[in-house]
Amino acid sequence: MSKLEQRYWDALKEVMDPEFPVSVVDMGLIYDIKENEGVIDLTMTYTAASCACMEWIEGDIKKRLLQEPDVREANIQVVWDPPWTVECLSQEAREKMKYWGVSSR
């Protein structure tokens, strides 16, 4: 991963899941980020195909990426394979879930 791509991962740690105050990165929703001449191609998933917040999350992701210098476009591809599981949660997300009494096992 390039330093530039790492910067985008770090930026997306500021984008929170609407249901839990955990970033989309720590939720494990972001699978890949690639940058090519100011165009970001992002691959992600959701916890469920019926997620009611898809448009909001994608809008927040695009808005945050477009705040980065030299980013002129952000494309999001949603995939369902591999499927999201609680194993995708970061340790930070697991600790927050435990604090709120939500099982992450």
PDB file of N, CA and C in Angstrom:
ATOM      1  N   MET A   1       0.856  -1.179   0.000  1.00  0.00           N
ATOM      2  CA  MET A   1       0.000   0.000   0.000  1.00  0.00           C
ATOM      3  C   MET A   1       0.898   1.238   0.000  1.00  0.00           C
ATOM      4  N   SER A   2       0.553   2.174  -0.842  1.00  0.00           N
ATOM      5  CA  SER A   2       1.332   3.405  -0.914  1.00  0.00           C
ATOM      6  C   SER A   2       0.987   4.323   0.265  1.00  0.00           C
ATOM      7  N   LYS A   3       1.863   5.293   0.511  1.00  0.00           N
ATOM      8  CA  LYS A   3       1.589   6.274   1.570  1.00  0.00           C
ATOM      9  C   LYS A   3       0.321   7.057   1.253  1.00  0.00           C
ATOM     10  N   LEU A   4       0.113   7.312  -0.023  1.00  0.00           N
ATOM     11  CA  LEU A   4      -1.085   8.044  -0.434  1.00  0.00           C
ATOM     12  C   LEU A   4      -2.335   7.233  -0.120  1.00  0.00           C
ATOM     13  N   GLU A   5      -2.330   5.946  -0.452  1.00  0.00           N
ATOM     14  CA  GLU A   5      -3.485   5.106  -0.154  1.00  0.00           C
ATOM     15  C   GLU A   5      -3.697   4.980   1.353  1.00  0.00           C
ATOM     16  N   GLN A   6      -2.613   4.920   2.123  1.00  0.00           N
ATOM     17  CA  GLN A   6      -2.736   4.873   3.584  1.00  0.00           C
ATOM     18  C   GLN A   6      -3.422   6.133   4.103  1.00  0.00           C
ATOM     19  N   ARG A   7      -3.132   7.248   3.462  1.00  0.00           N
ATOM     20  CA  ARG A   7      -3.765   8.515   3.854  1.00  0.00           C
ATOM     21  C   ARG A   7      -5.280   8.432   3.694  1.00  0.00           C
ATOM     22  N   TYR A   8      -5.743   7.756   2.649  1.00  0.00           N
ATOM     23  CA  TYR A   8      -7.187   7.620   2.433  1.00  0.00           C
ATOM     24  C   TYR A   8      -7.811   6.680   3.462  1.00  0.00           C
ATOM     25  N   TRP A   9      -7.102   5.608   3.808  1.00  0.00           N
ATOM     26  CA  TRP A   9      -7.587   4.721   4.874  1.00  0.00           C
ATOM     27  C   TRP A   9      -7.734   5.517   6.172  1.00  0.00           C
ATOM     28  N   ASP A  10      -6.715   6.338   6.471  1.00  0.00           N
ATOM     29  CA  ASP A  10      -6.754   7.150   7.691  1.00  0.00           C
ATOM     30  C   ASP A  10      -7.903   8.153   7.647  1.00  0.00           C
ATOM     31  N   ALA A  11      -8.127   8.755   6.489  1.00  0.00           N
ATOM     32  CA  ALA A  11      -9.223   9.725   6.350  1.00  0.00           C
ATOM     33  C   ALA A  11     -10.574   9.056   6.606  1.00  0.00           C
ATOM     34  N   LEU A  12     -10.729   7.832   6.138  1.00  0.00           N
ATOM     35  CA  LEU A  12     -12.013   7.142   6.297  1.00  0.00           C
ATOM     36  C   LEU A  12     -12.253   6.656   7.718  1.00  0.00           C
ATOM     37  N   LYS A  13     -11.230   6.712   8.562  1.00  0.00           N
ATOM     38  CA  LYS A  13     -11.452   6.412   9.982  1.00  0.00           C
ATOM     39  C   LYS A  13     -12.318   7.502  10.615  1.00  0.00           C
ATOM     40  N   GLU A  14     -12.510   8.623   9.912  1.00  0.00           N
ATOM     41  CA  GLU A  14     -13.365   9.715  10.382  1.00  0.00           C
ATOM     42  C   GLU A  14     -14.825   9.517   9.979  1.00  0.00           C
ATOM     43  N   VAL A  15     -15.098   8.569   9.098  1.00  0.00           N
ATOM     44  CA  VAL A  15     -16.466   8.314   8.626  1.00  0.00           C
ATOM     45  C   VAL A  15     -17.075   7.242   9.524  1.00  0.00           C
ATOM     46  N   MET A  16     -18.120   7.609  10.228  1.00  0.00           N
ATOM     47  CA  MET A  16     -18.727   6.711  11.205  1.00  0.00           C
ATOM     48  C   MET A  16     -19.914   5.945  10.629  1.00  0.00           C
ATOM     49  N   ASP A  17     -20.046   4.730  11.086  1.00  0.00           N
ATOM     50  CA  ASP A  17     -21.237   3.943  10.800  1.00  0.00           C
ATOM     51  C   ASP A  17     -22.403   4.638  11.512  1.00  0.00           C
ATOM     52  N   PRO A  18     -23.535   4.846  10.850  1.00  0.00           N
ATOM     53  CA  PRO A  18     -24.640   5.564  11.489  1.00  0.00           C
ATOM     54  C   PRO A  18     -25.270   4.841  12.682  1.00  0.00           C
ATOM     55  N   GLU A  19     -25.134   3.520  12.742  1.00  0.00           N
ATOM     56  CA  GLU A  19     -25.760   2.767  13.828  1.00  0.00           C
ATOM     57  C   GLU A  19     -24.894   2.697  15.077  1.00  0.00           C
ATOM     58  N   PHE A  20     -23.585   2.670  14.893  1.00  0.00           N
ATOM     59  CA  PHE A  20     -22.639   2.634  16.008  1.00  0.00           C
ATOM     60  C   PHE A  20     -21.568   3.675  15.740  1.00  0.00           C
ATOM     61  N   PRO A  21     -21.123   4.386  16.746  1.00  0.00           N
ATOM     62  CA  PRO A  21     -20.048   5.369  16.505  1.00  0.00           C
ATOM     63  C   PRO A  21     -18.695   4.663  16.343  1.00  0.00           C
ATOM     64  N   VAL A  22     -18.606   3.862  15.298  1.00  0.00           N
ATOM     65  CA  VAL A  22     -17.397   3.145  14.930  1.00  0.00           C
ATOM     66  C   VAL A  22     -17.145   3.480  13.468  1.00  0.00           C
ATOM     67  N   SER A  23     -15.896   3.718  13.100  1.00  0.00           N
ATOM     68  CA  SER A  23     -15.597   4.095  11.724  1.00  0.00           C
ATOM     69  C   SER A  23     -15.884   2.944  10.764  1.00  0.00           C
ATOM     70  N   VAL A  24     -16.129   3.312   9.512  1.00  0.00           N
ATOM     71  CA  VAL A  24     -16.361   2.291   8.495  1.00  0.00           C
ATOM     72  C   VAL A  24     -15.122   1.420   8.309  1.00  0.00           C
ATOM     73  N   VAL A  25     -13.954   1.975   8.594  1.00  0.00           N
ATOM     74  CA  VAL A  25     -12.710   1.193   8.530  1.00  0.00           C
ATOM     75  C   VAL A  25     -12.689   0.171   9.660  1.00  0.00           C
ATOM     76  N   ASP A  26     -12.967   0.611  10.887  1.00  0.00           N
ATOM     77  CA  ASP A  26     -12.949  -0.304  12.032  1.00  0.00           C
ATOM     78  C   ASP A  26     -14.097  -1.309  11.991  1.00  0.00           C
ATOM     79  N   MET A  27     -15.182  -0.964  11.321  1.00  0.00           N
ATOM     80  CA  MET A  27     -16.270  -1.928  11.134  1.00  0.00           C
ATOM     81  C   MET A  27     -15.860  -3.023  10.154  1.00  0.00           C
ATOM     82  N   GLY A  28     -14.812  -2.767   9.374  1.00  0.00           N
ATOM     83  CA  GLY A  28     -14.361  -3.739   8.383  1.00  0.00           C
ATOM     84  C   GLY A  28     -15.151  -3.674   7.099  1.00  0.00           C
ATOM     85  N   LEU A  29     -15.786  -2.534   6.838  1.00  0.00           N
ATOM     86  CA  LEU A  29     -16.596  -2.392   5.632  1.00  0.00           C
ATOM     87  C   LEU A  29     -15.764  -2.082   4.390  1.00  0.00           C
ATOM     88  N   ILE A  30     -14.587  -1.496   4.586  1.00  0.00           N
ATOM     89  CA  ILE A  30     -13.735  -1.124   3.457  1.00  0.00           C
ATOM     90  C   ILE A  30     -12.770  -2.270   3.183  1.00  0.00           C
ATOM     91  N   TYR A  31     -12.809  -2.773   1.963  1.00  0.00           N
ATOM     92  CA  TYR A  31     -11.940  -3.888   1.590  1.00  0.00           C
ATOM     93  C   TYR A  31     -10.680  -3.430   0.860  1.00  0.00           C
ATOM     94  N   ASP A  32     -10.794  -2.380   0.032  1.00  0.00           N
ATOM     95  CA  ASP A  32      -9.646  -1.974  -0.775  1.00  0.00           C
ATOM     96  C   ASP A  32      -9.804  -0.529  -1.206  1.00  0.00           C
ATOM     97  N   ILE A  33      -8.672   0.159  -1.307  1.00  0.00           N
ATOM     98  CA  ILE A  33      -8.638   1.531  -1.818  1.00  0.00           C
ATOM     99  C   ILE A  33      -7.468   1.625  -2.788  1.00  0.00           C
ATOM    100  N   LYS A  34      -7.756   2.087  -3.984  1.00  0.00           N
ATOM    101  CA  LYS A  34      -6.724   2.312  -4.993  1.00  0.00           C
ATOM    102  C   LYS A  34      -6.852   3.737  -5.501  1.00  0.00           C
ATOM    103  N   GLU A  35      -5.712   4.362  -5.765  1.00  0.00           N
ATOM    104  CA  GLU A  35      -5.695   5.731  -6.278  1.00  0.00           C
ATOM    105  C   GLU A  35      -4.953   5.740  -7.603  1.00  0.00           C
ATOM    106  N   ASN A  36      -5.508   6.469  -8.573  1.00  0.00           N
ATOM    107  CA  ASN A  36      -4.862   6.612  -9.869  1.00  0.00           C
ATOM    108  C   ASN A  36      -5.137   8.008 -10.397  1.00  0.00           C
ATOM    109  N   GLU A  37      -4.145   8.870 -10.314  1.00  0.00           N
ATOM    110  CA  GLU A  37      -4.228  10.230 -10.846  1.00  0.00           C
ATOM    111  C   GLU A  37      -5.454  10.989 -10.362  1.00  0.00           C
ATOM    112  N   GLY A  38      -5.675  10.951  -9.056  1.00  0.00           N
ATOM    113  CA  GLY A  38      -6.766  11.713  -8.460  1.00  0.00           C
ATOM    114  C   GLY A  38      -8.109  11.020  -8.443  1.00  0.00           C
ATOM    115  N   VAL A  39      -8.147   9.794  -8.942  1.00  0.00           N
ATOM    116  CA  VAL A  39      -9.384   9.012  -8.929  1.00  0.00           C
ATOM    117  C   VAL A  39      -9.217   7.891  -7.910  1.00  0.00           C
ATOM    118  N   ILE A  40     -10.140   7.840  -6.958  1.00  0.00           N
ATOM    119  CA  ILE A  40     -10.127   6.803  -5.934  1.00  0.00           C
ATOM    120  C   ILE A  40     -11.145   5.736  -6.314  1.00  0.00           C
ATOM    121  N   ASP A  41     -10.685   4.496  -6.340  1.00  0.00           N
ATOM    122  CA  ASP A  41     -11.570   3.356  -6.528  1.00  0.00           C
ATOM    123  C   ASP A  41     -11.578   2.585  -5.232  1.00  0.00           C
ATOM    124  N   LEU A  42     -12.744   2.495  -4.619  1.00  0.00           N
ATOM    125  CA  LEU A  42     -12.891   1.889  -3.307  1.00  0.00           C
ATOM    126  C   LEU A  42     -13.827   0.685  -3.415  1.00  0.00           C
ATOM    127  N   THR A  43     -13.424  -0.412  -2.797  1.00  0.00           N
ATOM    128  CA  THR A  43     -14.263  -1.607  -2.740  1.00  0.00           C
ATOM    129  C   THR A  43     -14.708  -1.784  -1.301  1.00  0.00           C
ATOM    130  N   MET A  44     -15.996  -1.997  -1.113  1.00  0.00           N
ATOM    131  CA  MET A  44     -16.530  -2.113   0.234  1.00  0.00           C
ATOM    132  C   MET A  44     -17.703  -3.078   0.269  1.00  0.00           C
ATOM    133  N   THR A  45     -18.161  -3.340   1.467  1.00  0.00           N
ATOM    134  CA  THR A  45     -19.337  -4.165   1.681  1.00  0.00           C
ATOM    135  C   THR A  45     -20.180  -3.538   2.775  1.00  0.00           C
ATOM    136  N   TYR A  46     -21.229  -4.207   3.140  1.00  0.00           N
ATOM    137  CA  TYR A  46     -22.084  -3.800   4.252  1.00  0.00           C
ATOM    138  C   TYR A  46     -22.315  -5.001   5.148  1.00  0.00           C
ATOM    139  N   THR A  47     -22.791  -4.733   6.332  1.00  0.00           N
ATOM    140  CA  THR A  47     -23.050  -5.818   7.274  1.00  0.00           C
ATOM    141  C   THR A  47     -24.228  -6.669   6.817  1.00  0.00           C
ATOM    142  N   ALA A  48     -25.113  -6.080   6.013  1.00  0.00           N
ATOM    143  CA  ALA A  48     -26.276  -6.815   5.505  1.00  0.00           C
ATOM    144  C   ALA A  48     -26.754  -6.166   4.207  1.00  0.00           C
ATOM    145  N   ALA A  49     -27.288  -6.971   3.318  1.00  0.00           N
ATOM    146  CA  ALA A  49     -27.799  -6.451   2.047  1.00  0.00           C
ATOM    147  C   ALA A  49     -28.984  -5.520   2.258  1.00  0.00           C
ATOM    148  N   SER A  50     -29.622  -5.637   3.408  1.00  0.00           N
ATOM    149  CA  SER A  50     -30.791  -4.806   3.703  1.00  0.00           C
ATOM    150  C   SER A  50     -30.438  -3.543   4.487  1.00  0.00           C
ATOM    151  N   CYS A  51     -29.157  -3.204   4.565  1.00  0.00           N
ATOM    152  CA  CYS A  51     -28.723  -2.024   5.319  1.00  0.00           C
ATOM    153  C   CYS A  51     -29.446  -0.781   4.804  1.00  0.00           C
ATOM    154  N   ALA A  52     -30.169  -0.123   5.683  1.00  0.00           N
ATOM    155  CA  ALA A  52     -30.950   1.062   5.298  1.00  0.00           C
ATOM    156  C   ALA A  52     -30.085   2.312   5.130  1.00  0.00           C
ATOM    157  N   CYS A  53     -28.837   2.224   5.535  1.00  0.00           N
ATOM    158  CA  CYS A  53     -27.966   3.404   5.547  1.00  0.00           C
ATOM    159  C   CYS A  53     -26.975   3.444   4.392  1.00  0.00           C
ATOM    160  N   MET A  54     -27.129   2.599   3.404  1.00  0.00           N
ATOM    161  CA  MET A  54     -26.152   2.504   2.314  1.00  0.00           C
ATOM    162  C   MET A  54     -25.873   3.841   1.648  1.00  0.00           C
ATOM    163  N   GLU A  55     -26.920   4.550   1.266  1.00  0.00           N
ATOM    164  CA  GLU A  55     -26.727   5.826   0.567  1.00  0.00           C
ATOM    165  C   GLU A  55     -26.009   6.838   1.450  1.00  0.00           C
ATOM    166  N   TRP A  56     -26.361   6.891   2.727  1.00  0.00           N
ATOM    167  CA  TRP A  56     -25.710   7.829   3.645  1.00  0.00           C
ATOM    168  C   TRP A  56     -24.227   7.496   3.807  1.00  0.00           C
ATOM    169  N   ILE A  57     -23.940   6.231   3.999  1.00  0.00           N
ATOM    170  CA  ILE A  57     -22.549   5.826   4.199  1.00  0.00           C
ATOM    171  C   ILE A  57     -21.725   6.135   2.954  1.00  0.00           C
ATOM    172  N   GLU A  58     -22.237   5.753   1.800  1.00  0.00           N
ATOM    173  CA  GLU A  58     -21.496   6.017   0.567  1.00  0.00           C
ATOM    174  C   GLU A  58     -21.324   7.518   0.338  1.00  0.00           C
ATOM    175  N   GLY A  59     -22.345   8.294   0.630  1.00  0.00           N
ATOM    176  CA  GLY A  59     -22.228   9.747   0.507  1.00  0.00           C
ATOM    177  C   GLY A  59     -21.181  10.311   1.444  1.00  0.00           C
ATOM    178  N   ASP A  60     -21.159   9.823   2.681  1.00  0.00           N
ATOM    179  CA  ASP A  60     -20.154  10.286   3.655  1.00  0.00           C
ATOM    180  C   ASP A  60     -18.744   9.895   3.222  1.00  0.00           C
ATOM    181  N   ILE A  61     -18.600   8.697   2.676  1.00  0.00           N
ATOM    182  CA  ILE A  61     -17.280   8.246   2.208  1.00  0.00           C
ATOM    183  C   ILE A  61     -16.799   9.140   1.070  1.00  0.00           C
ATOM    184  N   LYS A  62     -17.663   9.364   0.084  1.00  0.00           N
ATOM    185  CA  LYS A  62     -17.271  10.211  -1.052  1.00  0.00           C
ATOM    186  C   LYS A  62     -16.946  11.626  -0.594  1.00  0.00           C
ATOM    187  N   LYS A  63     -17.789  12.172   0.264  1.00  0.00           N
ATOM    188  CA  LYS A  63     -17.569  13.533   0.755  1.00  0.00           C
ATOM    189  C   LYS A  63     -16.215  13.645   1.450  1.00  0.00           C
ATOM    190  N   ARG A  64     -15.880  12.666   2.280  1.00  0.00           N
ATOM    191  CA  ARG A  64     -14.608  12.718   3.013  1.00  0.00           C
ATOM    192  C   ARG A  64     -13.416  12.560   2.070  1.00  0.00           C
ATOM    193  N   LEU A  65     -13.495  11.637   1.126  1.00  0.00           N
ATOM    194  CA  LEU A  65     -12.382  11.444   0.192  1.00  0.00           C
ATOM    195  C   LEU A  65     -12.161  12.670  -0.683  1.00  0.00           C
ATOM    196  N   LEU A  66     -13.241  13.317  -1.088  1.00  0.00           N
ATOM    197  CA  LEU A  66     -13.119  14.501  -1.939  1.00  0.00           C
ATOM    198  C   LEU A  66     -12.535  15.704  -1.199  1.00  0.00           C
ATOM    199  N   GLN A  67     -12.423  15.628   0.117  1.00  0.00           N
ATOM    200  CA  GLN A  67     -11.762  16.677   0.891  1.00  0.00           C
ATOM    201  C   GLN A  67     -10.241  16.557   0.844  1.00  0.00           C
ATOM    202  N   GLU A  68      -9.754  15.412   0.394  1.00  0.00           N
ATOM    203  CA  GLU A  68      -8.314  15.194   0.318  1.00  0.00           C
ATOM    204  C   GLU A  68      -7.727  15.948  -0.880  1.00  0.00           C
ATOM    205  N   PRO A  69      -6.519  16.515  -0.702  1.00  0.00           N
ATOM    206  CA  PRO A  69      -5.885  17.233  -1.816  1.00  0.00           C
ATOM    207  C   PRO A  69      -5.726  16.315  -3.038  1.00  0.00           C
ATOM    208  N   ASP A  70      -5.990  16.866  -4.206  1.00  0.00           N
ATOM    209  CA  ASP A  70      -5.800  16.190  -5.485  1.00  0.00           C
ATOM    210  C   ASP A  70      -6.799  15.078  -5.786  1.00  0.00           C
ATOM    211  N   VAL A  71      -7.750  14.814  -4.891  1.00  0.00           N
ATOM    212  CA  VAL A  71      -8.782  13.825  -5.213  1.00  0.00           C
ATOM    213  C   VAL A  71      -9.892  14.545  -5.958  1.00  0.00           C
ATOM    214  N   ARG A  72     -10.157  14.083  -7.169  1.00  0.00           N
ATOM    215  CA  ARG A  72     -11.194  14.724  -7.988  1.00  0.00           C
ATOM    216  C   ARG A  72     -12.397  13.836  -8.221  1.00  0.00           C
ATOM    217  N   GLU A  73     -12.254  12.542  -7.900  1.00  0.00           N
ATOM    218  CA  GLU A  73     -13.361  11.613  -8.111  1.00  0.00           C
ATOM    219  C   GLU A  73     -13.211  10.438  -7.151  1.00  0.00           C
ATOM    220  N   ALA A  74     -14.346   9.936  -6.654  1.00  0.00           N
ATOM    221  CA  ALA A  74     -14.337   8.763  -5.776  1.00  0.00           C
ATOM    222  C   ALA A  74     -15.414   7.804  -6.255  1.00  0.00           C
ATOM    223  N   ASN A  75     -14.991   6.622  -6.634  1.00  0.00           N
ATOM    224  CA  ASN A  75     -15.902   5.577  -7.114  1.00  0.00           C
ATOM    225  C   ASN A  75     -15.996   4.483  -6.064  1.00  0.00           C
ATOM    226  N   ILE A  76     -17.205   4.035  -5.809  1.00  0.00           N
ATOM    227  CA  ILE A  76     -17.421   2.987  -4.812  1.00  0.00           C
ATOM    228  C   ILE A  76     -18.050   1.778  -5.484  1.00  0.00           C
ATOM    229  N   GLN A  77     -17.418   0.634  -5.278  1.00  0.00           N
ATOM    230  CA  GLN A  77     -17.982  -0.632  -5.741  1.00  0.00           C
ATOM    231  C   GLN A  77     -18.348  -1.441  -4.510  1.00  0.00           C
ATOM    232  N   VAL A  78     -19.611  -1.801  -4.404  1.00  0.00           N
ATOM    233  CA  VAL A  78     -20.086  -2.623  -3.290  1.00  0.00           C
ATOM    234  C   VAL A  78     -20.033  -4.083  -3.728  1.00  0.00           C
ATOM    235  N   VAL A  79     -19.414  -4.895  -2.881  1.00  0.00           N
ATOM    236  CA  VAL A  79     -19.321  -6.333  -3.153  1.00  0.00           C
ATOM    237  C   VAL A  79     -19.894  -7.103  -1.976  1.00  0.00           C
ATOM    238  N   TRP A  80     -20.320  -8.302  -2.241  1.00  0.00           N
ATOM    239  CA  TRP A  80     -20.891  -9.149  -1.192  1.00  0.00           C
ATOM    240  C   TRP A  80     -20.042 -10.394  -0.953  1.00  0.00           C
ATOM    241  N   ASP A  81     -18.944 -10.499  -1.668  1.00  0.00           N
ATOM    242  CA  ASP A  81     -18.034 -11.614  -1.499  1.00  0.00           C
ATOM    243  C   ASP A  81     -16.619 -11.071  -1.407  1.00  0.00           C
ATOM    244  N   PRO A  82     -15.957 -11.250  -0.304  1.00  0.00           N
ATOM    245  CA  PRO A  82     -16.378 -12.061   0.829  1.00  0.00           C
ATOM    246  C   PRO A  82     -17.439 -11.330   1.661  1.00  0.00           C
ATOM    247  N   PRO A  83     -18.330 -12.087   2.258  1.00  0.00           N
ATOM    248  CA  PRO A  83     -19.361 -11.467   3.083  1.00  0.00           C
ATOM    249  C   PRO A  83     -18.775 -10.907   4.373  1.00  0.00           C
ATOM    250  N   TRP A  84     -19.402  -9.869   4.875  1.00  0.00           N
ATOM    251  CA  TRP A  84     -18.984  -9.282   6.147  1.00  0.00           C
ATOM    252  C   TRP A  84     -19.396 -10.216   7.280  1.00  0.00           C
ATOM    253  N   THR A  85     -18.487 -10.364   8.248  1.00  0.00           N
ATOM    254  CA  THR A  85     -18.794 -11.079   9.490  1.00  0.00           C
ATOM    255  C   THR A  85     -18.194 -10.280  10.640  1.00  0.00           C
ATOM    256  N   VAL A  86     -18.511 -10.646  11.853  1.00  0.00           N
ATOM    257  CA  VAL A  86     -17.949  -9.936  13.003  1.00  0.00           C
ATOM    258  C   VAL A  86     -16.431 -10.073  13.048  1.00  0.00           C
ATOM    259  N   GLU A  87     -15.884 -11.035  12.354  1.00  0.00           N
ATOM    260  CA  GLU A  87     -14.426 -11.182  12.285  1.00  0.00           C
ATOM    261  C   GLU A  87     -13.781  -9.998  11.569  1.00  0.00           C
ATOM    262  N   CYS A  88     -14.558  -9.235  10.820  1.00  0.00           N
ATOM    263  CA  CYS A  88     -14.048  -8.068  10.101  1.00  0.00           C
ATOM    264  C   CYS A  88     -13.803  -6.873  11.033  1.00  0.00           C
ATOM    265  N   LEU A  89     -14.403  -6.891  12.220  1.00  0.00           N
ATOM    266  CA  LEU A  89     -14.250  -5.784  13.170  1.00  0.00           C
ATOM    267  C   LEU A  89     -12.803  -5.667  13.637  1.00  0.00           C
ATOM    268  N   SER A  90     -12.316  -4.424  13.728  1.00  0.00           N
ATOM    269  CA  SER A  90     -10.991  -4.205  14.302  1.00  0.00           C
ATOM    270  C   SER A  90     -11.065  -4.402  15.812  1.00  0.00           C
ATOM    271  N   GLN A  91      -9.917  -4.494  16.450  1.00  0.00           N
ATOM    272  CA  GLN A  91      -9.880  -4.629  17.907  1.00  0.00           C
ATOM    273  C   GLN A  91     -10.526  -3.405  18.571  1.00  0.00           C
ATOM    274  N   GLU A  92     -10.271  -2.237  18.003  1.00  0.00           N
ATOM    275  CA  GLU A  92     -10.877  -1.006  18.534  1.00  0.00           C
ATOM    276  C   GLU A  92     -12.398  -1.081  18.478  1.00  0.00           C
ATOM    277  N   ALA A  93     -12.932  -1.580  17.371  1.00  0.00           N
ATOM    278  CA  ALA A  93     -14.387  -1.714  17.236  1.00  0.00           C
ATOM    279  C   ALA A  93     -14.929  -2.732  18.235  1.00  0.00           C
ATOM    280  N   ARG A  94     -14.218  -3.818  18.427  1.00  0.00           N
ATOM    281  CA  ARG A  94     -14.657  -4.847  19.376  1.00  0.00           C
ATOM    282  C   ARG A  94     -14.735  -4.279  20.795  1.00  0.00           C
ATOM    283  N   GLU A  95     -13.741  -3.472  21.158  1.00  0.00           N
ATOM    284  CA  GLU A  95     -13.737  -2.874  22.497  1.00  0.00           C
ATOM    285  C   GLU A  95     -14.901  -1.906  22.667  1.00  0.00           C
ATOM    286  N   LYS A  96     -15.194  -1.117  21.641  1.00  0.00           N
ATOM    287  CA  LYS A  96     -16.325  -0.190  21.717  1.00  0.00           C
ATOM    288  C   LYS A  96     -17.639  -0.951  21.828  1.00  0.00           C
ATOM    289  N   MET A  97     -17.780  -2.001  21.034  1.00  0.00           N
ATOM    290  CA  MET A  97     -19.005  -2.802  21.079  1.00  0.00           C
ATOM    291  C   MET A  97     -19.186  -3.422  22.468  1.00  0.00           C
ATOM    292  N   LYS A  98     -18.115  -3.926  23.022  1.00  0.00           N
ATOM    293  CA  LYS A  98     -18.177  -4.529  24.358  1.00  0.00           C
ATOM    294  C   LYS A  98     -18.611  -3.480  25.382  1.00  0.00           C
ATOM    295  N   TYR A  99     -18.059  -2.275  25.265  1.00  0.00           N
ATOM    296  CA  TYR A  99     -18.398  -1.180  26.176  1.00  0.00           C
ATOM    297  C   TYR A  99     -19.897  -0.883  26.121  1.00  0.00           C
ATOM    298  N   TRP A 100     -20.491  -0.950  24.915  1.00  0.00           N
ATOM    299  CA  TRP A 100     -21.919  -0.660  24.735  1.00  0.00           C
ATOM    300  C   TRP A 100     -22.785  -1.886  24.989  1.00  0.00           C
ATOM    301  N   GLY A 101     -22.176  -2.992  25.335  1.00  0.00           N
ATOM    302  CA  GLY A 101     -22.942  -4.196  25.613  1.00  0.00           C
ATOM    303  C   GLY A 101     -23.418  -4.941  24.398  1.00  0.00           C
ATOM    304  N   VAL A 102     -22.733  -4.728  23.267  1.00  0.00           N
ATOM    305  CA  VAL A 102     -23.077  -5.400  22.013  1.00  0.00           C
ATOM    306  C   VAL A 102     -22.082  -6.524  21.780  1.00  0.00           C
ATOM    307  N   SER A 103     -22.570  -7.701  21.567  1.00  0.00           N
ATOM    308  CA  SER A 103     -21.692  -8.853  21.334  1.00  0.00           C
ATOM    309  C   SER A 103     -20.995  -8.724  19.974  1.00  0.00           C
ATOM    310  N   SER A 104     -19.706  -8.984  19.955  1.00  0.00           N
ATOM    311  CA  SER A 104     -18.959  -8.972  18.686  1.00  0.00           C
ATOM    312  C   SER A 104     -18.288 -10.312  18.454  1.00  0.00           C
ATOM    313  N   ARG A 105     -18.947 -11.363  18.916  1.00  0.00           N
ATOM    314  CA  ARG A 105     -18.394 -12.714  18.723  1.00  0.00           C
ATOM    315  C   ARG A 105     -19.144 -13.463  17.670  1.00  0.00           C
TER     316      ARG A 105
END
